Amino acid sequence: MSSTRTTRPTAHSTAAVAVEARGLTVRYGRRSAAALDDCSFRLPAGRISALVGPNGAGKSTLLAAAAGLVRPASGTLTVLGTTPAEARGAIAYLAQNKPLHPQLTIAETLRLGAELNPARWDAARAEAIVDQGALDPGTRVRRLSGGQRTRVALALALGKRPDLLLLDEPMADLDPLARHELLGTLLADAAERGTTVLMSSHIVAELADACDHLLLLGAGRVRLGGGLDDLLLAHTLVTGRGTPADLTPHLVVESSTAGRGLTALIRKDGPVDDRWQTEQPSLEELLLAHLRSPATPALLTPGTTPAPAAVTR
């Protein structure tokens, strides 16, 4: 994992920020609980970011809001330097259900993509992704398997050559070989064009291999945000004889006792005492500890913290 991926601001993102939320709140109905609740973060342009969290954390809502499909109840959301609606031509969004017209053939689906995106459409790119799956262009969408529909939907998304690619569980219905192949295609395309990618997934190994940035949502807010390397370096896995109180002044995210030994994931505040054995946690260990400890204070690295609001006089 590396957080040194080269970033290239796009024409829509001169400030090198792809998505920025300030106090973003989204509700479905006046009396319902907020799907996003005072959510604030910044996603730098050019990053491939994992969007992680338990069911109901607000992941799909955040992606839909960034795509301009959900209206906030309060707060602001800026995408590619403007509003989601104004940036829509530079955004590709792939929802969980992969919405496609079932009566159209694959070839007709790609032609529709070209007609809807005449200034950006890359027919060769879209057709290559379909060809990799050995799909007959004359096959109607309704006859495709779930994995085949995913391939066509990704062909539409990448054929648009977006500056921001929003993916909601994109690989969930693919077999391991197809997942590896399409993920490689996605990463190569993003690296070539400097595309910003925000991708939700429950497959931790997929995220560790593909992403260099993380947004962990919980109860509608970002609880962890930043480059993967930065977040991992901010935490340490310690083992030794003692109690969580002995780890002061570090913040103990999670701890467990086995025999006479204590194992804990801590957020470091200076050097760790020599009596503790230390190692860097894996991404899976980091995520599971924070998911099991929802009361842990949030951590956003400087590049992920929204800029202060301008003062109006």
Protein backbone atom coordinates (compact mmCIF):
# COMPACT_ATOMS: atom_id res chain seq x y z
CA MET A 1 0.00 0.00 0.00
CA SER A 2 1.27 3.41 -0.84
CA SER A 3 -0.07 6.89 -0.34
CA THR A 4 2.43 8.44 -2.75
CA ARG A 5 0.34 8.02 -5.86
CA THR A 6 0.83 10.91 -8.24
CA THR A 7 -2.14 13.27 -8.26
CA ARG A 8 -3.10 15.39 -11.23
CA PRO A 9 -5.70 18.13 -10.73
CA THR A 10 -8.34 18.09 -13.42
CA ALA A 11 -9.88 21.03 -15.21
CA HIS A 12 -12.74 20.81 -12.73
CA SER A 13 -10.45 20.51 -9.68
CA THR A 14 -7.86 23.24 -9.73
CA ALA A 15 -7.66 23.18 -5.93
CA ALA A 16 -6.72 19.48 -6.03
CA VAL A 17 -9.80 18.56 -3.98
CA ALA A 18 -12.28 16.16 -5.55
CA VAL A 19 -14.98 16.04 -2.85
CA GLU A 20 -15.46 18.22 0.23
CA ALA A 21 -18.31 17.96 2.73
CA ARG A 22 -19.02 20.40 5.55
CA GLY A 23 -21.71 19.47 8.05
CA LEU A 24 -23.44 17.37 5.41
CA THR A 25 -26.76 15.99 6.64
CA VAL A 26 -29.11 13.85 4.55
CA ARG A 27 -32.49 12.52 5.70
CA TYR A 28 -35.00 10.27 3.97
CA GLY A 29 -38.23 11.72 5.31
CA ARG A 30 -38.75 14.39 7.96
CA ARG A 31 -38.98 12.02 10.92
CA SER A 32 -36.34 9.51 9.88
CA ALA A 33 -32.88 9.33 11.39
CA ALA A 34 -30.18 11.06 9.39
CA ALA A 35 -28.39 8.81 6.90
CA LEU A 36 -25.54 11.34 6.99
CA ASP A 37 -25.28 13.41 10.14
CA ASP A 38 -23.05 16.51 10.20
CA CYS A 39 -20.56 14.69 7.99
CA SER A 40 -17.35 16.58 7.16
CA PHE A 41 -14.29 15.48 5.20
CA ARG A 42 -12.11 16.30 2.22
CA LEU A 43 -11.05 13.84 -0.50
CA PRO A 44 -7.93 15.02 -2.37
CA ALA A 45 -8.04 14.71 -6.15
CA GLY A 46 -6.27 11.78 -7.76
CA ARG A 47 -6.68 9.38 -4.84
CA ILE A 48 -8.26 5.93 -4.94
CA SER A 49 -10.27 5.94 -1.74
CA ALA A 50 -11.97 3.06 0.04
CA LEU A 51 -15.34 3.92 1.57
CA VAL A 52 -15.90 1.53 4.46
CA GLY A 53 -18.41 1.14 7.27
CA PRO A 54 -21.11 -1.12 8.70
CA ASN A 55 -24.47 -1.52 7.01
CA GLY A 56 -26.49 1.64 7.48
CA ALA A 57 -23.43 3.85 8.05
CA GLY A 58 -24.34 6.10 5.09
CA LYS A 59 -21.96 4.85 2.39
CA SER A 60 -24.53 4.56 -0.40
CA THR A 61 -26.11 7.85 0.62
CA LEU A 62 -22.76 9.64 0.45
CA LEU A 63 -22.03 8.25 -3.02
CA ALA A 64 -25.51 9.18 -4.25
CA ALA A 65 -25.14 12.69 -2.81
CA ALA A 66 -21.78 13.15 -4.54
CA ALA A 67 -23.43 12.04 -7.79
CA GLY A 68 -26.10 14.71 -7.34
CA LEU A 69 -28.93 12.23 -6.82
CA VAL A 70 -29.68 13.09 -3.19
CA ARG A 71 -30.40 16.56 -1.85
CA PRO A 72 -28.83 17.44 1.53
CA ALA A 73 -31.06 18.62 4.37
CA SER A 74 -28.24 20.87 5.56
CA GLY A 75 -24.53 21.45 5.13
CA THR A 76 -22.61 21.68 1.88
CA LEU A 77 -21.08 19.24 -0.57
CA THR A 78 -18.61 20.40 -3.21
CA VAL A 79 -17.59 18.07 -6.04
CA LEU A 80 -14.74 18.90 -8.45
CA GLY A 81 -14.82 22.51 -7.31
CA THR A 82 -18.53 23.05 -7.90
CA THR A 83 -21.94 21.56 -7.07
CA PRO A 84 -22.64 17.88 -7.81
CA ALA A 85 -25.25 18.92 -10.39
CA GLU A 86 -22.84 21.18 -12.26
CA ALA A 87 -20.07 18.56 -12.14
CA ARG A 88 -22.31 15.72 -13.36
CA GLY A 89 -20.73 15.60 -16.81
CA ALA A 90 -17.37 14.77 -15.23
CA ILE A 91 -18.76 12.15 -12.79
CA ALA A 92 -19.46 8.47 -13.37
CA TYR A 93 -21.58 6.73 -10.74
CA LEU A 94 -22.15 3.00 -10.51
CA ALA A 95 -24.88 2.05 -8.05
CA GLN A 96 -25.19 -1.32 -6.31
CA ASN A 97 -28.01 -2.51 -8.57
CA LYS A 98 -26.08 -1.65 -11.79
CA PRO A 99 -29.08 0.01 -13.50
CA LEU A 100 -29.11 -0.76 -17.22
CA HIS A 101 -31.93 -0.85 -19.79
CA PRO A 102 -32.81 -4.59 -19.95
CA GLN A 103 -34.25 -4.47 -23.46
CA LEU A 104 -31.12 -2.98 -25.05
CA THR A 105 -28.26 -5.03 -26.40
CA ILE A 106 -24.72 -4.48 -25.14
CA ALA A 107 -23.86 -2.65 -28.36
CA GLU A 108 -26.95 -0.44 -28.04
CA THR A 109 -26.05 0.26 -24.41
CA LEU A 110 -22.59 1.48 -25.41
CA ARG A 111 -24.05 3.60 -28.21
CA LEU A 112 -26.38 5.18 -25.65
CA GLY A 113 -23.34 5.96 -23.51
CA ALA A 114 -21.71 7.67 -26.50
CA GLU A 115 -24.85 9.73 -27.22
CA LEU A 116 -25.16 10.86 -23.60
CA ASN A 117 -21.47 11.77 -23.30
CA PRO A 118 -20.42 13.03 -26.74
CA ALA A 119 -17.57 15.24 -25.50
CA ARG A 120 -15.92 12.57 -23.35
CA TRP A 121 -16.83 9.18 -24.75
CA ASP A 122 -14.01 6.71 -25.45
CA ALA A 123 -15.63 3.96 -27.53
CA ALA A 124 -12.43 1.92 -27.81
CA ARG A 125 -12.05 1.83 -24.04
CA ALA A 126 -15.63 0.77 -23.41
CA GLU A 127 -15.55 -1.90 -26.11
CA ALA A 128 -12.25 -3.30 -24.82
CA ILE A 129 -13.74 -3.86 -21.36
CA VAL A 130 -16.68 -5.72 -22.88
CA ASP A 131 -14.37 -7.75 -25.13
CA GLN A 132 -12.27 -8.84 -22.14
CA GLY A 133 -15.33 -10.70 -20.87
CA ALA A 134 -15.93 -12.42 -24.23
CA LEU A 135 -19.42 -10.93 -24.38
CA ASP A 136 -21.47 -10.90 -27.58
CA PRO A 137 -22.36 -7.24 -28.33
CA GLY A 138 -25.72 -8.42 -29.66
CA THR A 139 -26.78 -9.96 -26.34
CA ARG A 140 -29.60 -8.16 -24.58
CA VAL A 141 -28.88 -6.89 -21.08
CA ARG A 142 -31.76 -8.88 -19.58
CA ARG A 143 -29.97 -12.11 -20.55
CA LEU A 144 -26.72 -11.22 -18.82
CA SER A 145 -25.60 -12.69 -15.49
CA GLY A 146 -24.95 -10.38 -12.56
CA GLY A 147 -21.22 -10.40 -13.20
CA GLN A 148 -21.71 -9.70 -16.91
CA ARG A 149 -24.00 -6.77 -16.10
CA THR A 150 -21.28 -5.42 -13.83
CA ARG A 151 -18.77 -5.58 -16.67
CA VAL A 152 -21.07 -3.67 -19.01
CA ALA A 153 -21.85 -1.09 -16.33
CA LEU A 154 -18.12 -0.56 -15.70
CA ALA A 155 -17.57 -0.23 -19.44
CA LEU A 156 -20.14 2.59 -19.45
CA ALA A 157 -18.54 4.26 -16.44
CA LEU A 158 -14.95 4.10 -17.70
CA GLY A 159 -15.97 4.85 -21.28
CA LYS A 160 -17.15 8.23 -20.02
CA ARG A 161 -13.56 9.06 -18.96
CA PRO A 162 -14.73 10.66 -15.71
CA ASP A 163 -12.71 12.90 -13.43
CA LEU A 164 -14.51 11.36 -10.45
CA LEU A 165 -15.61 7.72 -10.38
CA LEU A 166 -18.11 6.72 -7.68
CA LEU A 167 -18.50 2.96 -7.18
CA ASP A 168 -20.96 1.34 -4.75
CA GLU A 169 -19.89 -2.26 -4.08
CA PRO A 170 -18.79 -2.63 -7.72
CA MET A 171 -17.23 -6.09 -7.56
CA ALA A 172 -19.61 -7.85 -5.17
CA ASP A 173 -21.17 -10.17 -7.78
CA LEU A 174 -17.97 -11.05 -9.66
CA ASP A 175 -16.00 -14.27 -9.39
CA PRO A 176 -12.42 -13.86 -8.06
CA LEU A 177 -10.78 -13.98 -11.51
CA ALA A 178 -13.14 -11.41 -13.04
CA ARG A 179 -12.80 -9.24 -9.94
CA HIS A 180 -9.01 -9.26 -10.24
CA GLU A 181 -9.16 -8.50 -13.95
CA LEU A 182 -11.65 -5.65 -13.72
CA LEU A 183 -9.94 -4.17 -10.69
CA GLY A 184 -6.69 -4.12 -12.66
CA THR A 185 -8.47 -2.39 -15.53
CA LEU A 186 -9.94 0.17 -13.14
CA LEU A 187 -6.58 0.92 -11.50
CA ALA A 188 -4.76 1.20 -14.82
CA ASP A 189 -7.37 3.63 -16.11
CA ALA A 190 -7.25 5.72 -12.93
CA ALA A 191 -3.44 5.84 -12.96
CA GLU A 192 -3.35 6.84 -16.62
CA ARG A 193 -5.82 9.70 -16.26
CA GLY A 194 -5.37 10.73 -12.61
CA THR A 195 -9.02 9.84 -11.96
CA THR A 196 -10.28 10.20 -8.41
CA VAL A 197 -12.06 7.02 -7.29
CA LEU A 198 -14.34 6.63 -4.27
CA MET A 199 -15.27 2.96 -3.90
CA SER A 200 -17.30 1.23 -1.21
CA SER A 201 -16.56 -2.42 -0.53
CA HIS A 202 -16.66 -5.03 2.22
CA ILE A 203 -13.75 -6.99 0.72
CA VAL A 204 -10.78 -5.80 2.79
CA ALA A 205 -8.16 -7.57 0.66
CA GLU A 206 -9.53 -5.79 -2.40
CA LEU A 207 -9.23 -2.44 -0.67
CA ALA A 208 -5.71 -3.06 0.58
CA ASP A 209 -4.50 -3.92 -2.91
CA ALA A 210 -6.36 -1.17 -4.74
CA CYS A 211 -6.69 1.89 -2.53
CA ASP A 212 -4.29 4.47 -1.15
CA HIS A 213 -6.86 6.44 0.86
CA LEU A 214 -9.58 5.57 3.37
CA LEU A 215 -12.88 7.01 4.57
CA LEU A 216 -14.44 4.99 7.40
CA LEU A 217 -18.06 5.95 8.07
CA GLY A 218 -19.97 5.30 11.25
CA ALA A 219 -23.41 6.63 12.19
CA GLY A 220 -23.35 9.00 9.24
CA ARG A 221 -19.98 10.60 9.99
CA VAL A 222 -16.37 10.04 8.94
CA ARG A 223 -14.52 8.36 11.82
CA LEU A 224 -11.24 7.73 10.00
CA GLY A 225 -10.04 9.65 6.98
CA GLY A 226 -6.70 9.97 5.23
CA GLY A 227 -3.99 8.18 3.31
CA LEU A 228 -3.76 4.51 4.25
CA ASP A 229 -0.09 4.76 5.16
CA ASP A 230 -0.72 7.82 7.34
CA LEU A 231 -3.58 6.14 9.20
CA LEU A 232 -1.66 2.90 9.72
CA LEU A 233 1.39 4.78 11.00
CA ALA A 234 -0.81 6.65 13.47
CA HIS A 235 -1.73 3.32 15.08
CA THR A 236 0.32 0.58 16.74
CA LEU A 237 -0.53 -2.96 17.78
CA VAL A 238 1.01 -3.63 21.19
CA THR A 239 1.33 -6.78 23.28
CA GLY A 240 2.64 -7.21 26.82
CA ARG A 241 1.77 -7.62 30.47
CA GLY A 242 -0.33 -4.82 31.82
CA THR A 243 -3.70 -3.11 31.61
CA PRO A 244 -5.12 -0.51 29.22
CA ALA A 245 -4.39 2.11 31.92
CA ASP A 246 -0.68 1.32 31.57
CA LEU A 247 -0.82 2.57 27.96
CA THR A 248 -1.48 6.18 28.96
CA PRO A 249 -1.13 8.71 27.28
CA HIS A 250 -1.96 6.72 24.14
CA LEU A 251 -5.57 6.29 23.05
CA VAL A 252 -6.61 2.64 23.31
CA VAL A 253 -8.91 1.84 20.40
CA GLU A 254 -9.48 -1.78 21.39
CA SER A 255 -7.87 -4.24 23.79
CA SER A 256 -8.17 -7.91 24.68
CA THR A 257 -6.57 -10.18 27.24
CA ALA A 258 -5.29 -13.69 26.57
CA GLY A 259 -3.75 -15.50 29.55
CA ARG A 260 -1.63 -12.89 31.33
CA GLY A 261 -0.98 -10.82 28.25
CA LEU A 262 -2.72 -7.79 26.83
CA THR A 263 -3.08 -7.03 23.14
CA ALA A 264 -4.27 -3.56 22.16
CA LEU A 265 -4.56 -1.32 19.14
CA ILE A 266 -3.54 2.16 20.18
CA ARG A 267 -3.40 5.57 18.55
CA LYS A 268 0.06 6.76 19.45
CA ASP A 269 0.81 9.93 21.39
CA GLY A 270 4.59 9.84 21.37
CA PRO A 271 6.96 6.85 21.84
CA VAL A 272 5.63 3.55 23.19
CA ASP A 273 7.19 2.23 26.41
CA ASP A 274 9.87 -0.43 25.80
CA ARG A 275 8.02 -3.02 27.89
CA TRP A 276 5.48 -3.37 25.11
CA GLN A 277 6.13 -5.32 21.93
CA THR A 278 4.94 -3.29 18.96
CA GLU A 279 4.06 -3.87 15.33
CA GLN A 280 2.17 -2.00 12.65
CA PRO A 281 -1.39 -3.22 12.24
CA SER A 282 -2.75 -4.52 8.97
CA LEU A 283 -5.60 -2.71 7.29
CA GLU A 284 -7.97 -5.47 8.39
CA GLU A 285 -6.86 -5.16 12.02
CA LEU A 286 -7.26 -1.38 11.87
CA LEU A 287 -10.74 -1.53 10.36
CA LEU A 288 -12.07 -4.29 12.61
CA ALA A 289 -10.83 -2.58 15.76
CA HIS A 290 -12.53 0.69 14.84
CA LEU A 291 -15.71 -1.04 13.70
CA ARG A 292 -15.89 -2.85 17.06
CA SER A 293 -15.19 0.39 18.94
CA PRO A 294 -17.61 2.98 17.49
CA ALA A 295 -17.07 5.39 20.40
CA THR A 296 -13.40 5.95 19.48
CA PRO A 297 -12.77 9.63 18.67
CA ALA A 298 -12.54 10.41 14.97
CA LEU A 299 -9.18 10.87 13.26
CA LEU A 300 -8.83 12.82 10.01
CA THR A 301 -5.35 13.50 8.67
CA PRO A 302 -4.60 17.12 7.66
CA GLY A 303 -5.30 16.48 3.97
CA THR A 304 -8.71 15.04 4.79
CA THR A 305 -9.84 17.78 7.17
CA PRO A 306 -12.07 20.36 5.46
CA ALA A 307 -10.63 23.85 5.14
CA PRO A 308 -12.00 26.42 7.63
CA ALA A 309 -15.11 28.18 6.41
CA ALA A 310 -14.63 31.69 5.13
CA VAL A 311 -15.68 34.40 7.54
CA THR A 312 -18.34 36.75 6.22
CA ARG A 313 -18.24 40.32 7.49
